[in-house]
Amino acid sequence: MDENEDWKQWFRLAELDFSVAEHLAANMYPTPNEPICFHCQQSAEKYLKGYLVFNGTEPPKIHALPILLEMCEKISADYSELFKKCVFLNKFGTLPRYPNELEITDDDVRVALGFTKDIKEFVKNRIKL
């Protein structure tokens, strides 16, 4: 694959994570809050990494949304608008993997899905898709 197209693969994977989160939220009862929020964080992470790749920056192999966001802000200052959303989603990248580390509520799921959708649309609008 042409390295200039690598960002599309990041977006494809981001969309898969978001689709999984939406599917779980809509079709499973009781709602599996931890996996939904985990996939939301993963989707946001991959959209940010895709944006970096689109702009010629190799993303680091990290999962910290605030750090990735800071890198995106160096390309486009308006990314600062996503700070609170990234901080909220960031905790779902690792804590749901460990029992009793984080209690995730149905409201967290609703907010995570909404924030992830916002990040997805924000990033895609910045590369004119």
N, C-alpha and C. Protein backbone atom coordinates (compact mmCIF):
# COMPACT_ATOMS: atom_id res chain seq x y z
N MET A 1 0.84 -1.19 0.00
CA MET A 1 0.00 0.00 0.00
C MET A 1 0.88 1.24 0.00
N ASP A 2 0.46 2.23 -0.74
CA ASP A 2 1.15 3.52 -0.78
C ASP A 2 1.07 4.16 0.60
N GLU A 3 2.22 4.57 1.14
CA GLU A 3 2.23 5.16 2.49
C GLU A 3 1.38 6.42 2.56
N ASN A 4 1.14 7.08 1.42
CA ASN A 4 0.27 8.25 1.42
C ASN A 4 -1.19 7.88 1.68
N GLU A 5 -1.49 6.62 1.60
CA GLU A 5 -2.86 6.14 1.83
C GLU A 5 -3.02 5.48 3.20
N ASP A 6 -1.96 5.43 3.99
CA ASP A 6 -2.02 4.76 5.29
C ASP A 6 -3.08 5.37 6.20
N TRP A 7 -3.33 6.66 6.09
CA TRP A 7 -4.34 7.30 6.94
C TRP A 7 -5.71 6.67 6.72
N LYS A 8 -5.97 6.21 5.51
CA LYS A 8 -7.27 5.57 5.23
C LYS A 8 -7.43 4.28 6.02
N GLN A 9 -6.33 3.57 6.22
CA GLN A 9 -6.38 2.35 7.02
C GLN A 9 -6.66 2.67 8.49
N TRP A 10 -6.07 3.75 8.98
CA TRP A 10 -6.38 4.18 10.35
C TRP A 10 -7.86 4.50 10.47
N PHE A 11 -8.41 5.20 9.48
CA PHE A 11 -9.83 5.56 9.52
C PHE A 11 -10.72 4.33 9.39
N ARG A 12 -10.30 3.37 8.58
CA ARG A 12 -11.08 2.13 8.43
C ARG A 12 -11.15 1.41 9.77
N LEU A 13 -10.02 1.31 10.45
CA LEU A 13 -10.02 0.64 11.76
C LEU A 13 -10.80 1.44 12.80
N ALA A 14 -10.70 2.77 12.72
CA ALA A 14 -11.47 3.63 13.64
C ALA A 14 -12.96 3.41 13.45
N GLU A 15 -13.37 3.32 12.20
CA GLU A 15 -14.79 3.11 11.90
C GLU A 15 -15.26 1.74 12.39
N LEU A 16 -14.41 0.73 12.26
CA LEU A 16 -14.76 -0.60 12.77
C LEU A 16 -14.97 -0.56 14.28
N ASP A 17 -14.07 0.09 15.00
CA ASP A 17 -14.22 0.18 16.46
C ASP A 17 -15.52 0.90 16.82
N PHE A 18 -15.81 1.99 16.12
CA PHE A 18 -17.03 2.74 16.43
C PHE A 18 -18.27 1.93 16.08
N SER A 19 -18.23 1.19 14.98
CA SER A 19 -19.35 0.34 14.60
C SER A 19 -19.60 -0.75 15.63
N VAL A 20 -18.53 -1.32 16.16
CA VAL A 20 -18.67 -2.34 17.21
C VAL A 20 -19.33 -1.73 18.44
N ALA A 21 -18.86 -0.55 18.84
CA ALA A 21 -19.44 0.12 20.02
C ALA A 21 -20.93 0.39 19.82
N GLU A 22 -21.28 0.90 18.67
CA GLU A 22 -22.70 1.19 18.39
C GLU A 22 -23.53 -0.09 18.36
N HIS A 23 -22.98 -1.12 17.76
CA HIS A 23 -23.71 -2.39 17.68
C HIS A 23 -23.95 -2.97 19.08
N LEU A 24 -22.92 -2.97 19.90
CA LEU A 24 -23.08 -3.50 21.25
C LEU A 24 -24.11 -2.69 22.04
N ALA A 25 -24.07 -1.38 21.89
CA ALA A 25 -25.01 -0.52 22.62
C ALA A 25 -26.44 -0.75 22.18
N ALA A 26 -26.63 -1.01 20.90
CA ALA A 26 -27.99 -1.15 20.37
C ALA A 26 -28.56 -2.56 20.50
N ASN A 27 -27.69 -3.57 20.60
CA ASN A 27 -28.18 -4.94 20.46
C ASN A 27 -27.92 -5.87 21.64
N MET A 28 -27.28 -5.40 22.67
CA MET A 28 -27.01 -6.29 23.78
C MET A 28 -27.66 -5.79 25.06
N TYR A 29 -28.24 -6.72 25.79
CA TYR A 29 -28.80 -6.40 27.10
C TYR A 29 -28.42 -7.51 28.05
N PRO A 30 -27.88 -7.19 29.20
CA PRO A 30 -27.56 -5.83 29.62
C PRO A 30 -26.43 -5.25 28.76
N THR A 31 -26.42 -3.95 28.71
CA THR A 31 -25.43 -3.26 27.88
C THR A 31 -24.03 -3.51 28.41
N PRO A 32 -23.11 -3.98 27.55
CA PRO A 32 -21.74 -4.23 27.99
C PRO A 32 -20.93 -2.92 28.01
N ASN A 33 -21.10 -2.17 29.09
CA ASN A 33 -20.53 -0.82 29.16
C ASN A 33 -19.02 -0.76 28.93
N GLU A 34 -18.28 -1.67 29.55
CA GLU A 34 -16.82 -1.62 29.44
C GLU A 34 -16.34 -1.78 28.00
N PRO A 35 -16.80 -2.82 27.27
CA PRO A 35 -16.33 -2.96 25.88
C PRO A 35 -16.79 -1.80 24.98
N ILE A 36 -17.96 -1.27 25.22
CA ILE A 36 -18.44 -0.15 24.40
C ILE A 36 -17.51 1.04 24.58
N CYS A 37 -17.24 1.40 25.81
CA CYS A 37 -16.38 2.56 26.06
C CYS A 37 -14.96 2.32 25.60
N PHE A 38 -14.47 1.09 25.74
CA PHE A 38 -13.14 0.76 25.24
C PHE A 38 -13.06 0.99 23.73
N HIS A 39 -14.05 0.50 23.01
CA HIS A 39 -14.05 0.67 21.55
C HIS A 39 -14.22 2.14 21.15
N CYS A 40 -14.93 2.91 21.96
CA CYS A 40 -15.02 4.35 21.69
C CYS A 40 -13.65 5.00 21.80
N GLN A 41 -12.92 4.68 22.86
CA GLN A 41 -11.58 5.24 23.03
C GLN A 41 -10.68 4.81 21.88
N GLN A 42 -10.77 3.55 21.50
CA GLN A 42 -9.93 3.05 20.41
C GLN A 42 -10.25 3.76 19.09
N SER A 43 -11.52 4.00 18.85
CA SER A 43 -11.93 4.69 17.63
C SER A 43 -11.37 6.11 17.60
N ALA A 44 -11.52 6.83 18.70
CA ALA A 44 -11.00 8.20 18.77
C ALA A 44 -9.49 8.21 18.56
N GLU A 45 -8.81 7.27 19.19
CA GLU A 45 -7.35 7.17 19.05
C GLU A 45 -6.96 6.98 17.59
N LYS A 46 -7.65 6.11 16.90
CA LYS A 46 -7.30 5.82 15.51
C LYS A 46 -7.66 6.97 14.57
N TYR A 47 -8.72 7.70 14.86
CA TYR A 47 -9.01 8.88 14.05
C TYR A 47 -7.91 9.94 14.22
N LEU A 48 -7.46 10.14 15.43
CA LEU A 48 -6.38 11.11 15.66
C LEU A 48 -5.08 10.66 14.98
N LYS A 49 -4.77 9.38 15.10
CA LYS A 49 -3.56 8.87 14.45
C LYS A 49 -3.69 8.97 12.93
N GLY A 50 -4.87 8.71 12.39
CA GLY A 50 -5.08 8.86 10.96
C GLY A 50 -4.87 10.28 10.49
N TYR A 51 -5.31 11.24 11.29
CA TYR A 51 -5.10 12.65 10.96
C TYR A 51 -3.61 12.98 10.95
N LEU A 52 -2.89 12.46 11.92
CA LEU A 52 -1.45 12.70 11.96
C LEU A 52 -0.77 12.13 10.72
N VAL A 53 -1.12 10.90 10.36
CA VAL A 53 -0.53 10.26 9.19
C VAL A 53 -0.88 11.05 7.92
N PHE A 54 -2.13 11.48 7.82
CA PHE A 54 -2.56 12.29 6.67
C PHE A 54 -1.68 13.52 6.51
N ASN A 55 -1.23 14.06 7.64
CA ASN A 55 -0.40 15.26 7.62
C ASN A 55 1.10 14.98 7.70
N GLY A 56 1.48 13.73 7.43
CA GLY A 56 2.89 13.40 7.33
C GLY A 56 3.61 13.15 8.64
N THR A 57 2.86 12.94 9.71
CA THR A 57 3.47 12.68 11.02
C THR A 57 3.20 11.24 11.42
N GLU A 58 4.25 10.52 11.71
CA GLU A 58 4.11 9.14 12.17
C GLU A 58 3.66 9.16 13.63
N PRO A 59 2.50 8.58 13.93
CA PRO A 59 2.04 8.62 15.32
C PRO A 59 2.84 7.67 16.21
N PRO A 60 3.06 8.06 17.44
CA PRO A 60 3.77 7.16 18.36
C PRO A 60 2.86 5.99 18.74
N LYS A 61 3.48 4.93 19.20
CA LYS A 61 2.73 3.74 19.62
C LYS A 61 2.29 3.92 21.06
N ILE A 62 1.35 4.84 21.23
CA ILE A 62 0.79 5.13 22.55
C ILE A 62 -0.73 5.13 22.43
N HIS A 63 -1.39 5.16 23.57
CA HIS A 63 -2.86 5.17 23.59
C HIS A 63 -3.41 6.42 24.25
N ALA A 64 -2.54 7.33 24.65
CA ALA A 64 -2.94 8.53 25.39
C ALA A 64 -3.54 9.58 24.45
N LEU A 65 -4.84 9.72 24.51
CA LEU A 65 -5.52 10.68 23.63
C LEU A 65 -5.04 12.12 23.83
N PRO A 66 -4.82 12.58 25.06
CA PRO A 66 -4.33 13.96 25.21
C PRO A 66 -2.99 14.22 24.51
N ILE A 67 -2.11 13.24 24.51
CA ILE A 67 -0.82 13.41 23.84
C ILE A 67 -1.02 13.44 22.33
N LEU A 68 -1.84 12.55 21.81
CA LEU A 68 -2.13 12.54 20.38
C LEU A 68 -2.81 13.85 19.97
N LEU A 69 -3.71 14.31 20.81
CA LEU A 69 -4.40 15.57 20.53
C LEU A 69 -3.42 16.73 20.48
N GLU A 70 -2.48 16.74 21.40
CA GLU A 70 -1.45 17.80 21.41
C GLU A 70 -0.67 17.79 20.10
N MET A 71 -0.37 16.61 19.59
CA MET A 71 0.33 16.51 18.32
C MET A 71 -0.53 17.06 17.18
N CYS A 72 -1.82 16.77 17.23
CA CYS A 72 -2.75 17.29 16.20
C CYS A 72 -2.86 18.81 16.29
N GLU A 73 -2.82 19.34 17.50
CA GLU A 73 -2.90 20.80 17.70
C GLU A 73 -1.71 21.52 17.07
N LYS A 74 -0.57 20.85 16.99
CA LYS A 74 0.60 21.46 16.36
C LYS A 74 0.38 21.63 14.86
N ILE A 75 -0.51 20.83 14.31
CA ILE A 75 -0.86 20.92 12.89
C ILE A 75 -2.00 21.91 12.69
N SER A 76 -2.97 21.84 13.60
CA SER A 76 -4.15 22.71 13.50
C SER A 76 -4.63 23.05 14.91
N ALA A 77 -4.50 24.31 15.29
CA ALA A 77 -4.80 24.75 16.66
C ALA A 77 -6.24 24.48 17.07
N ASP A 78 -7.16 24.38 16.12
CA ASP A 78 -8.56 24.18 16.49
C ASP A 78 -8.82 22.82 17.12
N TYR A 79 -7.85 21.93 17.09
CA TYR A 79 -8.01 20.63 17.75
C TYR A 79 -8.17 20.78 19.26
N SER A 80 -7.79 21.92 19.80
CA SER A 80 -7.95 22.16 21.24
C SER A 80 -9.41 22.04 21.66
N GLU A 81 -10.33 22.21 20.72
CA GLU A 81 -11.77 22.05 21.00
C GLU A 81 -12.11 20.65 21.51
N LEU A 82 -11.28 19.69 21.20
CA LEU A 82 -11.57 18.30 21.55
C LEU A 82 -10.98 17.87 22.88
N PHE A 83 -10.32 18.78 23.59
CA PHE A 83 -9.59 18.41 24.79
C PHE A 83 -10.46 17.68 25.82
N LYS A 84 -11.58 18.26 26.21
CA LYS A 84 -12.42 17.64 27.25
C LYS A 84 -12.94 16.27 26.80
N LYS A 85 -13.25 16.15 25.53
CA LYS A 85 -13.75 14.87 25.01
C LYS A 85 -12.67 13.81 25.05
N CYS A 86 -11.45 14.20 24.69
CA CYS A 86 -10.34 13.25 24.71
C CYS A 86 -9.98 12.84 26.13
N VAL A 87 -10.01 13.77 27.05
CA VAL A 87 -9.73 13.44 28.45
C VAL A 87 -10.77 12.46 28.98
N PHE A 88 -12.04 12.70 28.66
CA PHE A 88 -13.10 11.80 29.11
C PHE A 88 -12.89 10.39 28.54
N LEU A 89 -12.64 10.29 27.25
CA LEU A 89 -12.49 8.99 26.60
C LEU A 89 -11.20 8.28 26.98
N ASN A 90 -10.17 9.04 27.32
CA ASN A 90 -8.86 8.47 27.57
C ASN A 90 -8.88 7.37 28.63
N LYS A 91 -9.64 7.57 29.68
CA LYS A 91 -9.66 6.59 30.78
C LYS A 91 -10.17 5.22 30.36
N PHE A 92 -10.90 5.16 29.24
CA PHE A 92 -11.46 3.89 28.80
C PHE A 92 -10.48 3.06 27.98
N GLY A 93 -9.30 3.60 27.72
CA GLY A 93 -8.31 2.88 26.93
C GLY A 93 -7.64 1.75 27.69
N THR A 94 -7.52 1.90 28.99
CA THR A 94 -6.84 0.86 29.78
C THR A 94 -7.65 0.37 30.97
N LEU A 95 -8.32 1.26 31.67
CA LEU A 95 -8.98 0.86 32.92
C LEU A 95 -10.04 -0.22 32.77
N PRO A 96 -10.84 -0.26 31.69
CA PRO A 96 -11.82 -1.35 31.60
C PRO A 96 -11.20 -2.73 31.47
N ARG A 97 -9.92 -2.80 31.23
CA ARG A 97 -9.24 -4.09 31.09
C ARG A 97 -8.97 -4.74 32.44
N TYR A 98 -9.12 -3.97 33.51
CA TYR A 98 -8.81 -4.45 34.85
C TYR A 98 -10.05 -4.42 35.72
N PRO A 99 -10.39 -5.55 36.33
CA PRO A 99 -11.59 -5.59 37.18
C PRO A 99 -11.52 -4.57 38.31
N ASN A 100 -12.64 -3.97 38.57
CA ASN A 100 -12.82 -3.05 39.70
C ASN A 100 -12.01 -1.76 39.62
N GLU A 101 -11.45 -1.45 38.47
CA GLU A 101 -10.66 -0.22 38.35
C GLU A 101 -11.53 0.98 37.99
N LEU A 102 -12.64 0.74 37.33
CA LEU A 102 -13.46 1.83 36.83
C LEU A 102 -14.90 1.36 36.70
N GLU A 103 -15.80 2.03 37.38
CA GLU A 103 -17.21 1.71 37.23
C GLU A 103 -17.77 2.57 36.10
N ILE A 104 -18.25 1.91 35.06
CA ILE A 104 -18.74 2.60 33.88
C ILE A 104 -20.26 2.51 33.87
N THR A 105 -20.90 3.65 33.82
CA THR A 105 -22.36 3.73 33.87
C THR A 105 -22.97 3.81 32.47
N ASP A 106 -24.29 3.65 32.44
CA ASP A 106 -25.00 3.82 31.16
C ASP A 106 -24.84 5.24 30.64
N ASP A 107 -24.76 6.21 31.53
CA ASP A 107 -24.54 7.59 31.11
C ASP A 107 -23.15 7.75 30.49
N ASP A 108 -22.15 7.08 31.05
CA ASP A 108 -20.81 7.10 30.46
C ASP A 108 -20.85 6.58 29.02
N VAL A 109 -21.60 5.52 28.81
CA VAL A 109 -21.73 4.94 27.47
C VAL A 109 -22.34 5.95 26.51
N ARG A 110 -23.41 6.60 26.93
CA ARG A 110 -24.07 7.59 26.08
C ARG A 110 -23.11 8.73 25.73
N VAL A 111 -22.40 9.22 26.72
CA VAL A 111 -21.45 10.32 26.50
C VAL A 111 -20.29 9.85 25.62
N ALA A 112 -19.76 8.66 25.88
CA ALA A 112 -18.64 8.14 25.09
C ALA A 112 -19.01 8.00 23.62
N LEU A 113 -20.19 7.46 23.36
CA LEU A 113 -20.64 7.32 21.96
C LEU A 113 -20.77 8.70 21.30
N GLY A 114 -21.34 9.65 22.01
CA GLY A 114 -21.51 10.99 21.47
C GLY A 114 -20.18 11.69 21.22
N PHE A 115 -19.27 11.61 22.19
CA PHE A 115 -17.96 12.25 22.04
C PHE A 115 -17.17 11.62 20.89
N THR A 116 -17.27 10.30 20.77
CA THR A 116 -16.54 9.63 19.69
C THR A 116 -17.08 10.06 18.34
N LYS A 117 -18.38 10.15 18.23
CA LYS A 117 -18.98 10.62 16.98
C LYS A 117 -18.53 12.05 16.67
N ASP A 118 -18.47 12.89 17.69
CA ASP A 118 -18.01 14.28 17.51
C ASP A 118 -16.56 14.31 17.01
N ILE A 119 -15.71 13.50 17.61
CA ILE A 119 -14.29 13.45 17.20
C ILE A 119 -14.18 12.95 15.77
N LYS A 120 -14.92 11.91 15.46
CA LYS A 120 -14.92 11.36 14.10
C LYS A 120 -15.29 12.44 13.08
N GLU A 121 -16.37 13.15 13.32
CA GLU A 121 -16.82 14.17 12.38
C GLU A 121 -15.83 15.33 12.31
N PHE A 122 -15.30 15.73 13.45
CA PHE A 122 -14.33 16.83 13.50
C PHE A 122 -13.10 16.48 12.64
N VAL A 123 -12.54 15.31 12.86
CA VAL A 123 -11.33 14.92 12.14
C VAL A 123 -11.62 14.78 10.65
N LYS A 124 -12.70 14.12 10.31
CA LYS A 124 -13.01 13.93 8.88
C LYS A 124 -13.24 15.28 8.19
N ASN A 125 -13.83 16.21 8.88
CA ASN A 125 -14.06 17.53 8.29
C ASN A 125 -12.75 18.28 8.07
N ARG A 126 -11.72 17.97 8.85
CA ARG A 126 -10.44 18.66 8.70
C ARG A 126 -9.64 18.16 7.52
N ILE A 127 -9.99 17.00 6.99
CA ILE A 127 -9.28 16.53 5.80
C ILE A 127 -10.21 16.48 4.59
N LYS A 128 -11.34 17.14 4.72
CA LYS A 128 -12.27 17.35 3.61
C LYS A 128 -12.78 16.04 3.00
N LEU A 129 -13.22 15.13 3.87
CA LEU A 129 -13.83 13.89 3.37
C LEU A 129 -15.31 14.05 3.20
